[in-house]
Amino acid sequence: MDKATWFGLLVGFGGILLGNLLEGGHISSLMQFTAFVIVLAGTLGAVMVSSSEKDLKTGLSLAKKAFNKEESQAKKRIQEIVDCARFAKKESILGLEPRINKIEDPFLRNILRNVVDGVEVENIRDIFETQIQTEEDEQLAGAKIWTDAGGFAPTIGIIGAVLGLIHVMGNLTDTSKLGAGIAVAFVATVYGVSSANLLFLPLGNKLKRKVQSDSREKQMVLEGGLLIASGMNPVVLEQKLYAFLASEQR
């Protein structure tokens, strides 16, 4: 569980509810099912129109990463690469072949297979850098559906408020209910603005950072495989790979 995400949502939405109570309001006054349906359905529809089916599926799949904390495997990957480098230095690069199938990471496995097969370093770099970039672009497109939702939600909230006001203005004969009706109308705006700024936009930004972090890790793995091919000293190789990590990961 990613505590920062859950705690952030609790603080954000809790702060709004607490502020409403401190001003003498009631939580029930913010609970309007019609406004919720307008904002949710309107935002969802706008996102579906602006995105491809593939991006929607990717975005929904990525959302789990924001709520579930995944331990970085970077140090483990570095250790695997260094072990392979030591073996290749002691024996030979061709001798790595029996060890490749024991490596958990399929990305590293594919790189080392190309190294063992004698593919030129520049060709390996071109192939896997293209793969990294393509995967990053696909993942970022998925993350973008959440920032798009953050852009649409406030406007949909305003539409909900206008619809509510139209309904109120059509029933001006009962002036005793006018104030309450207007208050209800603006709940849609609250839903739109709060969901955008407390959920959709932060979620999209967090997913973008996670995608970029995953790409950096893959770039590190690629560099490690290429350094094995170049015959670099394992100690120096290890230092170069650790340079890819953030200070708290080292």
Foldseek 3Di string as FASTA:
>chain_A
DPVVLVVLLCCQVVVVQVVCVVVVHDPVLLDDPVLVCLLVVQLVVVLPVVADPLLQVLLVVLLVCSVDPDDDCLVVLLVVLLVLLVVCLVPNLLVCVVVLVVDPDVLLSVLSVCLNVPPDLVVSCVVVVVVLVVVLVSNLSSLVSLLSSLVVNLVSLVVQLVVLVVVLVVVCVPVVCNVSSNSSSNSSNVRSNSCSVRPRNVSSVVSNVVSVLVSLSSVLSSVSSSVSSVSDDSVVNSVVSCVSDDPVVD
